[in-house]
Amino acid sequence: MSAKVIRFPSRPTRLALRLEWFASDRRVLAGIWAIYLALRAAVLLIDVQPTSDAEWYYLRAASLAAGQGYLDNAGAPTAFWPPGWPLALSLVFFQFGVSTGVVGLFNLACAALTGALTLVLGRRLFGSEAAARAGLLLLAVYPNAIGYVPLALTEVFYTALLMTACWIIVARSHWLHLVSAGVLFGFATLVKAQTVVVIPVLFAIDWLRKDPLLGRFPRLFAEGLLVLAVAAATVLPWTIRNQVQLGHWIAVSTNGGYTLLTGNHDSATGDYSPDATVVKDLMARAGLDEASRDAAARGLAIAWIAENPDRFLELAPKKLLRLWLPDGEAEWAYQAGAPGYERIEIAYRAVRLLNQAYYLLLMAAFAVAFFVMVARRRKDGQRWLGWWLTPYGIALYPTLICLVFSGQSRFHYPVMPWVCMTAGWLSMVILAKLSERRPAAPTLH
């Protein structure tokens, strides 16, 4: 007499039901958005005045909004620092008036766009609604991302701009999408001049993600060139303006040589160190115009690298640590520009410490997720290369830049939404694994 085992579908675990609820219930998504926007709106209640870089951008935007042009503090035409952020902010100032409150509200709109892009890119790259929502939630409560919203710095605007351009490339279905991506990448280049590096990275990922490699290469190469050409055409009017007003062909700005020198000189530590004597002396040289000083700084930096290759290589790991190890630098702006900082300094520092711990957890998840994804795709018989590599490509961009120039934790700000969406995917993978109910040993009857 033979015995048969009748297996009934096991009842989902409580954790599995909660995960299904998290991924499907509209109220969950509404709640995440409420947290995301409420925290960023609340930080706008803090009075923080622009200082240092933020003050420069703020004053340039006010000058442009008043129809005075892009002028330095002495009232002369300048190309110092990329103009994209002041140009965009000047349009907002022209419409709504010049104030720090307007800056905060504009950044809040940009942050909302970044959140939406984190959600849609999380769905697209990882094929999971739960992962996309988890990524948005991780970004929603990330203190450093919240802290930047009231500041007149480039980061919030640039991150939204970069993510929009990347989304268009990933989701494109028509050649006009390439043109619009090129325009956005061009304007992003006017905000951060090294942005063009991202374009070949994206098309390389697209090329490698599926076969046939040789057959797909010509089309993708042509598409990449089109995006680069449109980006260059978007930057060109500014370049022509520089030649007309300054008498030099300056592609974007005149701070590239200065920035290169601050990261590569005898007293460099791997961080951006503008107080170095060699830099101050160069900037104070009489008889040199802005473009010539920048060219001289670039020449000094290149000569120093050529004469000190060992020292240049020695600085590389220090630059990487400066870029990726610390976080929470938004606090510096409050320390310098928030009138009530001294009264509640302990609260600011506590948030800074909490943020640092949270940041390190995100980065650990980001690193682990790479290997987990590769292992899962290989186990499933899939090509391990795919669009999911985009966050790592975006992270590679500031890494390569900092190795040549200098490391600042501020430079990794645009990468963090991508880190959050990747960490969100890993968290859902782990929770899904924990939710699996092991079948009980069969009973014979």
Protein backbone atom coordinates (compact mmCIF):
# COMPACT_ATOMS: atom_id res chain seq x y z
CA MET A 1 0.00 0.00 0.00
CA SER A 2 1.51 3.28 -1.01
CA ALA A 3 1.26 6.44 0.96
CA LYS A 4 0.71 9.77 -0.72
CA VAL A 5 1.66 13.11 0.70
CA ILE A 6 -0.82 15.87 -0.01
CA ARG A 7 0.83 19.30 0.15
CA PHE A 8 -1.28 22.37 0.64
CA PRO A 9 0.05 25.84 -0.11
CA SER A 10 1.58 27.18 3.07
CA ARG A 11 -0.01 30.24 4.55
CA PRO A 12 2.04 33.39 3.98
CA THR A 13 3.97 34.55 7.01
CA ARG A 14 3.02 37.75 8.77
CA LEU A 15 6.17 39.41 7.40
CA ALA A 16 5.28 38.33 3.85
CA LEU A 17 1.83 39.89 4.23
CA ARG A 18 3.34 43.10 5.55
CA LEU A 19 5.75 43.26 2.62
CA GLU A 20 2.86 42.77 0.20
CA TRP A 21 0.97 45.57 1.96
CA PHE A 22 4.04 47.83 1.81
CA ALA A 23 4.41 47.24 -1.93
CA SER A 24 0.76 47.53 -2.96
CA ASP A 25 -1.17 49.80 -0.60
CA ARG A 26 -1.53 53.37 -1.90
CA ARG A 27 -1.70 54.68 1.64
CA VAL A 28 1.83 53.46 2.24
CA LEU A 29 3.16 55.42 -0.70
CA ALA A 30 1.18 58.48 0.39
CA GLY A 31 2.66 58.14 3.87
CA ILE A 32 6.22 57.96 2.52
CA TRP A 33 5.59 61.08 0.44
CA ALA A 34 4.15 62.84 3.48
CA ILE A 35 7.31 62.09 5.47
CA TYR A 36 9.53 63.10 2.55
CA LEU A 37 7.89 66.48 1.96
CA ALA A 38 7.09 67.33 5.58
CA LEU A 39 10.70 66.97 6.74
CA ARG A 40 11.97 69.12 3.88
CA ALA A 41 9.29 71.75 4.41
CA ALA A 42 10.01 71.82 8.16
CA VAL A 43 13.71 72.58 7.68
CA LEU A 44 12.74 75.69 5.70
CA LEU A 45 11.62 77.21 9.00
CA ILE A 46 15.29 77.54 9.99
CA ASP A 47 16.72 80.95 9.15
CA VAL A 48 20.05 80.30 7.42
CA GLN A 49 21.78 83.04 5.44
CA PRO A 50 23.99 82.26 2.43
CA THR A 51 27.71 82.16 3.19
CA SER A 52 30.85 81.20 1.25
CA ASP A 53 29.93 79.47 -2.04
CA ALA A 54 26.21 79.88 -1.38
CA GLU A 55 26.64 83.63 -0.98
CA TRP A 56 28.49 83.86 -4.31
CA TYR A 57 25.74 81.99 -6.15
CA TYR A 58 23.01 83.99 -4.40
CA LEU A 59 24.56 87.36 -5.31
CA ARG A 60 25.21 86.29 -8.91
CA ALA A 61 21.58 85.19 -9.26
CA ALA A 62 20.36 88.49 -7.81
CA SER A 63 22.58 90.39 -10.26
CA LEU A 64 21.23 88.41 -13.21
CA ALA A 65 17.64 88.86 -12.06
CA ALA A 66 18.22 92.63 -11.96
CA GLY A 67 19.50 92.57 -15.56
CA GLN A 68 23.08 93.44 -14.58
CA GLY A 69 24.73 90.35 -16.04
CA TYR A 70 27.04 87.76 -14.54
CA LEU A 71 29.42 90.01 -12.59
CA ASP A 72 32.02 89.48 -9.89
CA ASN A 73 31.97 91.30 -6.55
CA ALA A 74 33.73 94.29 -8.14
CA GLY A 75 31.06 94.60 -10.82
CA ALA A 76 33.18 93.23 -13.69
CA PRO A 77 32.08 90.42 -16.06
CA THR A 78 33.32 87.06 -14.81
CA ALA A 79 33.32 83.37 -15.64
CA PHE A 80 34.42 82.32 -12.18
CA TRP A 81 32.51 79.23 -11.12
CA PRO A 82 30.00 77.59 -13.45
CA PRO A 83 26.95 79.82 -14.04
CA GLY A 84 24.16 77.23 -14.37
CA TRP A 85 22.80 77.44 -10.84
CA PRO A 86 22.78 81.27 -10.69
CA LEU A 87 21.17 81.37 -14.14
CA ALA A 88 18.35 79.05 -13.06
CA LEU A 89 17.93 80.79 -9.71
CA SER A 90 17.85 84.20 -11.38
CA LEU A 91 14.74 83.17 -13.34
CA VAL A 92 13.04 82.25 -10.08
CA PHE A 93 14.18 85.51 -8.46
CA PHE A 94 12.90 87.50 -11.43
CA GLN A 95 9.46 85.92 -11.04
CA PHE A 96 9.12 85.77 -7.24
CA GLY A 97 11.69 88.19 -5.82
CA VAL A 98 15.13 87.83 -4.25
CA SER A 99 15.02 86.10 -0.87
CA THR A 100 16.33 83.03 0.91
CA GLY A 101 12.72 81.86 1.26
CA VAL A 102 12.40 81.72 -2.52
CA VAL A 103 15.62 79.67 -2.68
CA GLY A 104 14.20 77.20 -0.16
CA LEU A 105 10.89 76.79 -1.96
CA PHE A 106 12.63 76.30 -5.30
CA ASN A 107 14.90 73.69 -3.73
CA LEU A 108 11.85 72.02 -2.19
CA ALA A 109 10.36 71.66 -5.68
CA CYS A 110 13.66 70.24 -6.95
CA ALA A 111 13.81 67.84 -3.99
CA ALA A 112 10.26 66.66 -4.78
CA LEU A 113 11.36 65.95 -8.37
CA THR A 114 14.36 64.03 -7.05
CA GLY A 115 12.03 61.94 -4.89
CA ALA A 116 9.77 61.17 -7.85
CA LEU A 117 12.77 60.17 -9.95
CA THR A 118 14.10 57.98 -7.13
CA LEU A 119 10.77 56.16 -7.20
CA VAL A 120 10.44 55.70 -10.96
CA LEU A 121 14.10 54.82 -11.45
CA GLY A 122 13.91 52.34 -8.58
CA ARG A 123 11.02 50.63 -10.36
CA ARG A 124 12.82 50.67 -13.70
CA LEU A 125 16.29 49.57 -12.57
CA PHE A 126 15.25 46.92 -10.06
CA GLY A 127 11.83 45.85 -11.33
CA SER A 128 10.25 46.06 -7.88
CA GLU A 129 7.65 48.40 -6.45
CA ALA A 130 8.66 47.44 -2.92
CA ALA A 131 12.30 48.25 -3.61
CA ALA A 132 11.37 51.59 -5.19
CA ARG A 133 9.25 52.57 -2.19
CA ALA A 134 11.95 51.47 0.23
CA GLY A 135 14.49 53.60 -1.64
CA LEU A 136 12.23 56.65 -1.44
CA LEU A 137 11.71 56.06 2.28
CA LEU A 138 15.45 55.79 2.90
CA LEU A 139 15.99 59.07 1.06
CA ALA A 140 13.03 60.69 2.87
CA VAL A 141 14.67 60.39 6.30
CA TYR A 142 18.27 61.01 5.21
CA PRO A 143 19.29 64.06 7.33
CA ASN A 144 21.98 65.49 5.04
CA ALA A 145 19.62 65.49 2.05
CA ILE A 146 17.04 67.31 4.16
CA GLY A 147 19.59 69.82 5.46
CA TYR A 148 20.54 71.09 2.01
CA VAL A 149 17.03 72.24 1.06
CA PRO A 150 17.23 75.80 2.49
CA LEU A 151 20.78 76.38 1.18
CA ALA A 152 21.68 78.41 -1.91
CA LEU A 153 24.12 75.72 -3.03
CA THR A 154 24.07 73.77 -6.28
CA GLU A 155 23.46 70.30 -4.89
CA VAL A 156 19.66 70.03 -4.68
CA PHE A 157 19.06 71.58 -8.11
CA TYR A 158 21.92 69.71 -9.77
CA THR A 159 20.79 66.34 -8.42
CA ALA A 160 17.29 66.80 -9.87
CA LEU A 161 18.77 67.93 -13.19
CA LEU A 162 21.20 65.01 -13.42
CA MET A 163 18.60 62.40 -12.46
CA THR A 164 16.12 63.74 -15.01
CA ALA A 165 18.70 63.51 -17.79
CA CYS A 166 19.64 59.97 -16.73
CA TRP A 167 15.98 58.90 -16.59
CA ILE A 168 15.43 60.10 -20.15
CA ILE A 169 18.40 58.05 -21.38
CA VAL A 170 17.29 54.91 -19.53
CA ALA A 171 13.63 55.17 -20.60
CA ARG A 172 14.10 56.66 -24.09
CA SER A 173 11.98 55.42 -26.98
CA HIS A 174 12.50 58.15 -29.59
CA TRP A 175 15.45 60.14 -30.93
CA LEU A 176 13.86 63.34 -29.60
CA HIS A 177 14.43 61.97 -26.12
CA LEU A 178 18.15 62.02 -26.89
CA VAL A 179 17.91 65.69 -27.83
CA SER A 180 16.11 66.60 -24.61
CA ALA A 181 18.63 64.58 -22.59
CA GLY A 182 21.44 66.44 -24.36
CA VAL A 183 19.93 69.80 -23.42
CA LEU A 184 19.62 68.74 -19.79
CA PHE A 185 23.14 67.34 -19.70
CA GLY A 186 24.37 70.56 -21.28
CA PHE A 187 22.72 72.69 -18.63
CA ALA A 188 23.97 70.30 -15.93
CA THR A 189 27.46 70.89 -17.35
CA LEU A 190 26.92 74.60 -16.78
CA VAL A 191 26.28 73.71 -13.13
CA LYS A 192 29.12 71.21 -12.73
CA ALA A 193 31.55 71.23 -15.64
CA GLN A 194 32.56 67.54 -15.40
CA THR A 195 29.00 66.27 -15.94
CA VAL A 196 29.71 65.20 -19.54
CA VAL A 197 31.62 62.22 -18.10
CA VAL A 198 28.25 60.68 -17.19
CA ILE A 199 27.08 60.42 -20.82
CA PRO A 200 29.60 57.78 -22.02
CA VAL A 201 29.14 55.88 -18.75
CA LEU A 202 25.39 55.53 -19.37
CA PHE A 203 25.80 54.44 -22.97
CA ALA A 204 28.52 51.96 -22.00
CA ILE A 205 26.11 50.34 -19.53
CA ASP A 206 23.38 50.27 -22.20
CA TRP A 207 25.77 48.67 -24.69
CA LEU A 208 27.05 45.97 -22.33
CA ARG A 209 23.70 44.97 -20.87
CA LYS A 210 22.64 42.72 -23.76
CA ASP A 211 23.78 41.07 -26.99
CA PRO A 212 24.70 41.45 -29.77
CA LEU A 213 27.50 43.76 -28.67
CA LEU A 214 28.97 44.35 -32.11
CA GLY A 215 25.59 44.77 -33.75
CA ARG A 216 24.33 47.30 -31.20
CA PHE A 217 27.52 49.34 -30.94
CA PRO A 218 27.16 51.61 -34.03
CA ARG A 219 23.65 52.77 -33.10
CA LEU A 220 24.49 53.38 -29.44
CA PHE A 221 27.73 55.14 -30.37
CA ALA A 222 25.81 57.45 -32.69
CA GLU A 223 23.19 58.12 -30.01
CA GLY A 224 25.89 58.95 -27.50
CA LEU A 225 27.53 61.35 -29.92
CA LEU A 226 24.18 63.03 -30.53
CA VAL A 227 23.66 63.60 -26.80
CA LEU A 228 27.21 64.95 -26.45
CA ALA A 229 26.75 67.24 -29.46
CA VAL A 230 23.48 68.67 -28.13
CA ALA A 231 25.07 69.14 -24.69
CA ALA A 232 27.99 71.00 -26.30
CA ALA A 233 25.58 73.16 -28.30
CA THR A 234 23.73 74.01 -25.09
CA VAL A 235 26.97 75.19 -23.46
CA LEU A 236 28.20 77.04 -26.57
CA PRO A 237 26.33 80.35 -26.07
CA TRP A 238 27.98 80.75 -22.67
CA THR A 239 31.39 79.98 -24.18
CA ILE A 240 30.83 82.64 -26.85
CA ARG A 241 29.77 85.12 -24.17
CA ASN A 242 33.05 84.49 -22.34
CA GLN A 243 35.07 85.19 -25.48
CA VAL A 244 33.16 88.39 -26.19
CA GLN A 245 33.22 89.79 -22.64
CA LEU A 246 36.49 88.38 -21.31
CA GLY A 247 38.54 88.02 -24.48
CA HIS A 248 39.25 84.30 -23.90
CA TRP A 249 37.71 81.07 -25.10
CA ILE A 250 36.52 79.69 -21.76
CA ALA A 251 34.27 76.65 -22.15
CA VAL A 252 32.43 76.92 -18.83
CA SER A 253 34.32 78.61 -15.99
CA THR A 254 37.66 79.92 -14.80
CA ASN A 255 37.90 77.95 -11.56
CA GLY A 256 39.06 74.63 -13.05
CA GLY A 257 42.76 75.39 -12.77
CA TYR A 258 42.29 76.85 -9.30
CA THR A 259 40.44 73.73 -8.14
CA LEU A 260 43.09 71.47 -9.68
CA LEU A 261 45.84 73.34 -7.86
CA THR A 262 44.10 73.25 -4.48
CA GLY A 263 44.19 69.46 -4.62
CA ASN A 264 47.70 69.11 -6.01
CA HIS A 265 50.46 71.13 -4.33
CA ASP A 266 53.10 70.66 -1.63
CA SER A 267 50.76 71.13 1.34
CA ALA A 268 47.74 69.33 -0.15
CA THR A 269 46.04 66.81 2.14
CA GLY A 270 43.55 65.29 -0.28
CA ASP A 271 40.85 67.77 0.66
CA TYR A 272 39.96 71.05 -0.98
CA SER A 273 42.42 73.45 0.72
CA PRO A 274 42.01 76.98 -0.69
CA ASP A 275 44.06 78.56 2.11
CA ALA A 276 47.29 77.06 0.78
CA THR A 277 49.91 79.80 0.43
CA VAL A 278 50.75 78.88 -3.14
CA VAL A 279 47.14 79.34 -4.19
CA LYS A 280 46.69 82.63 -2.34
CA ASP A 281 49.87 84.01 -3.86
CA LEU A 282 48.75 83.03 -7.33
CA MET A 283 45.33 84.63 -6.92
CA ALA A 284 46.96 87.85 -5.71
CA ARG A 285 49.32 88.23 -8.64
CA ALA A 286 48.95 91.65 -10.21
CA GLY A 287 48.68 92.05 -13.94
CA LEU A 288 46.91 88.74 -14.58
CA ASP A 289 43.30 88.68 -15.65
CA GLU A 290 40.87 86.03 -14.44
CA ALA A 291 41.41 83.57 -17.30
CA SER A 292 45.20 83.97 -17.15
CA ARG A 293 45.25 83.28 -13.41
CA ASP A 294 43.21 80.14 -13.96
CA ALA A 295 45.53 79.02 -16.76
CA ALA A 296 48.54 79.74 -14.54
CA ALA A 297 47.00 77.70 -11.71
CA ARG A 298 46.37 74.82 -14.08
CA GLY A 299 49.94 75.00 -15.35
CA LEU A 300 51.35 74.97 -11.81
CA ALA A 301 49.18 71.97 -10.86
CA ILE A 302 50.14 69.97 -13.95
CA ALA A 303 53.81 70.79 -13.42
CA TRP A 304 53.57 69.74 -9.76
CA ILE A 305 51.94 66.42 -10.72
CA ALA A 306 54.65 65.79 -13.33
CA GLU A 307 57.40 66.58 -10.81
CA ASN A 308 55.77 64.68 -7.92
CA PRO A 309 54.10 61.57 -9.34
CA ASP A 310 54.67 59.61 -6.14
CA ARG A 311 53.08 62.32 -4.04
CA PHE A 312 50.17 62.56 -6.49
CA LEU A 313 49.52 58.82 -6.16
CA GLU A 314 49.91 59.05 -2.39
CA LEU A 315 47.14 61.65 -2.26
CA ALA A 316 44.71 59.44 -4.22
CA PRO A 317 43.48 57.28 -1.29
CA LYS A 318 43.22 60.38 0.92
CA LYS A 319 41.07 62.06 -1.70
CA LEU A 320 38.84 58.97 -1.87
CA LEU A 321 38.44 58.95 1.91
CA ARG A 322 37.60 62.67 1.91
CA LEU A 323 34.97 62.01 -0.73
CA TRP A 324 33.27 58.90 0.61
CA LEU A 325 33.94 58.57 4.35
CA PRO A 326 32.45 61.70 6.00
CA ASP A 327 28.93 63.01 5.50
CA GLY A 328 26.65 65.63 7.02
CA GLU A 329 28.56 68.65 5.72
CA ALA A 330 25.30 70.60 5.42
CA GLU A 331 25.80 71.42 9.11
CA TRP A 332 28.67 73.77 8.16
CA ALA A 333 26.23 76.09 6.40
CA TYR A 334 24.06 76.30 9.53
CA GLN A 335 27.11 76.85 11.70
CA ALA A 336 28.12 79.81 9.53
CA GLY A 337 24.72 81.22 8.58
CA ALA A 338 22.06 80.24 11.14
CA PRO A 339 21.74 82.91 13.88
CA GLY A 340 20.51 80.47 16.52
CA TYR A 341 23.17 77.82 15.91
CA GLU A 342 25.11 78.42 19.16
CA ARG A 343 22.03 78.04 21.35
CA ILE A 344 21.24 74.55 20.07
CA GLU A 345 24.65 73.47 18.80
CA ILE A 346 24.33 70.20 20.70
CA ALA A 347 21.19 69.36 18.69
CA TYR A 348 22.93 70.07 15.39
CA ARG A 349 25.87 67.90 16.42
CA ALA A 350 23.58 65.09 17.52
CA VAL A 351 21.85 65.11 14.13
CA ARG A 352 25.28 65.18 12.48
CA LEU A 353 26.37 62.06 14.38
CA LEU A 354 23.08 60.30 13.65
CA ASN A 355 23.43 61.21 10.00
CA GLN A 356 26.98 59.83 9.85
CA ALA A 357 25.88 56.47 11.24
CA TYR A 358 22.92 56.36 8.85
CA TYR A 359 25.17 57.28 5.91
CA LEU A 360 27.64 54.51 6.69
CA LEU A 361 24.80 51.98 6.79
CA LEU A 362 23.59 53.19 3.40
CA MET A 363 27.06 52.92 1.89
CA ALA A 364 27.58 49.44 3.36
CA ALA A 365 24.28 48.35 1.80
CA PHE A 366 25.30 49.95 -1.49
CA ALA A 367 28.53 47.91 -1.53
CA VAL A 368 26.87 44.63 -0.51
CA ALA A 369 24.02 45.07 -3.01
CA PHE A 370 26.45 44.91 -5.93
CA PHE A 371 27.61 41.39 -5.07
CA VAL A 372 24.13 40.18 -4.12
CA MET A 373 22.73 41.38 -7.46
CA VAL A 374 25.52 39.74 -9.46
CA ALA A 375 25.04 36.44 -7.61
CA ARG A 376 21.25 36.48 -8.05
CA ARG A 377 21.39 37.29 -11.75
CA ARG A 378 23.94 34.57 -12.42
CA LYS A 379 21.89 32.07 -10.43
CA ASP A 380 18.84 32.97 -12.52
CA GLY A 381 20.83 32.58 -15.74
CA GLN A 382 20.68 36.28 -16.55
CA ARG A 383 23.40 38.50 -17.94
CA TRP A 384 24.87 40.14 -14.85
CA LEU A 385 25.30 43.49 -16.60
CA GLY A 386 22.18 45.65 -16.72
CA TRP A 387 20.63 49.02 -16.03
CA TRP A 388 20.89 48.24 -12.31
CA LEU A 389 24.57 49.22 -12.68
CA THR A 390 23.59 52.85 -13.30
CA PRO A 391 23.90 53.88 -9.61
CA TYR A 392 27.44 52.51 -9.59
CA GLY A 393 28.23 54.35 -12.80
CA ILE A 394 26.96 57.58 -11.25
CA ALA A 395 29.13 56.90 -8.18
CA LEU A 396 32.14 56.31 -10.43
CA TYR A 397 31.84 59.81 -11.91
CA PRO A 398 32.76 61.86 -8.79
CA THR A 399 35.27 59.19 -7.79
CA LEU A 400 37.29 59.68 -10.97
CA ILE A 401 37.01 63.46 -10.69
CA CYS A 402 38.24 63.55 -7.10
CA LEU A 403 41.29 61.44 -7.90
CA VAL A 404 42.49 64.23 -10.18
CA PHE A 405 41.20 67.28 -8.33
CA SER A 406 40.35 66.98 -4.63
CA GLY A 407 37.98 65.15 -2.35
CA GLN A 408 34.98 66.78 -0.67
CA SER A 409 32.08 64.93 0.89
CA ARG A 410 29.79 67.47 -0.75
CA PHE A 411 30.67 65.99 -4.15
CA HIS A 412 28.89 62.71 -3.38
CA TYR A 413 25.55 64.41 -2.65
CA PRO A 414 24.10 63.74 -6.17
CA VAL A 415 24.92 60.04 -5.81
CA MET A 416 22.89 59.51 -2.65
CA PRO A 417 19.41 59.06 -4.20
CA TRP A 418 20.96 56.28 -6.30
CA VAL A 419 22.53 54.79 -3.17
CA CYS A 420 19.15 54.89 -1.42
CA MET A 421 17.28 53.15 -4.25
CA THR A 422 19.97 50.42 -4.33
CA ALA A 423 19.92 50.02 -0.54
CA GLY A 424 16.12 49.89 -0.75
CA TRP A 425 16.34 46.96 -3.17
CA LEU A 426 18.75 45.10 -0.89
CA SER A 427 16.54 45.65 2.15
CA MET A 428 13.56 44.16 0.31
CA VAL A 429 15.64 41.17 -0.80
CA ILE A 430 16.67 40.50 2.78
CA LEU A 431 13.16 40.94 4.17
CA ALA A 432 11.67 38.74 1.45
CA LYS A 433 14.15 36.02 2.34
CA LEU A 434 13.27 36.30 6.02
CA SER A 435 9.55 36.11 5.18
CA GLU A 436 9.83 32.72 3.50
CA ARG A 437 8.17 29.98 5.54
CA ARG A 438 10.12 26.75 5.51
CA PRO A 439 7.84 23.80 4.73
CA ALA A 440 7.30 21.47 7.63
CA ALA A 441 8.46 17.86 7.38
CA PRO A 442 5.84 15.76 5.54
CA THR A 443 3.55 13.51 7.57
CA LEU A 444 2.57 10.14 6.14
CA HIS A 445 -0.99 8.87 6.57
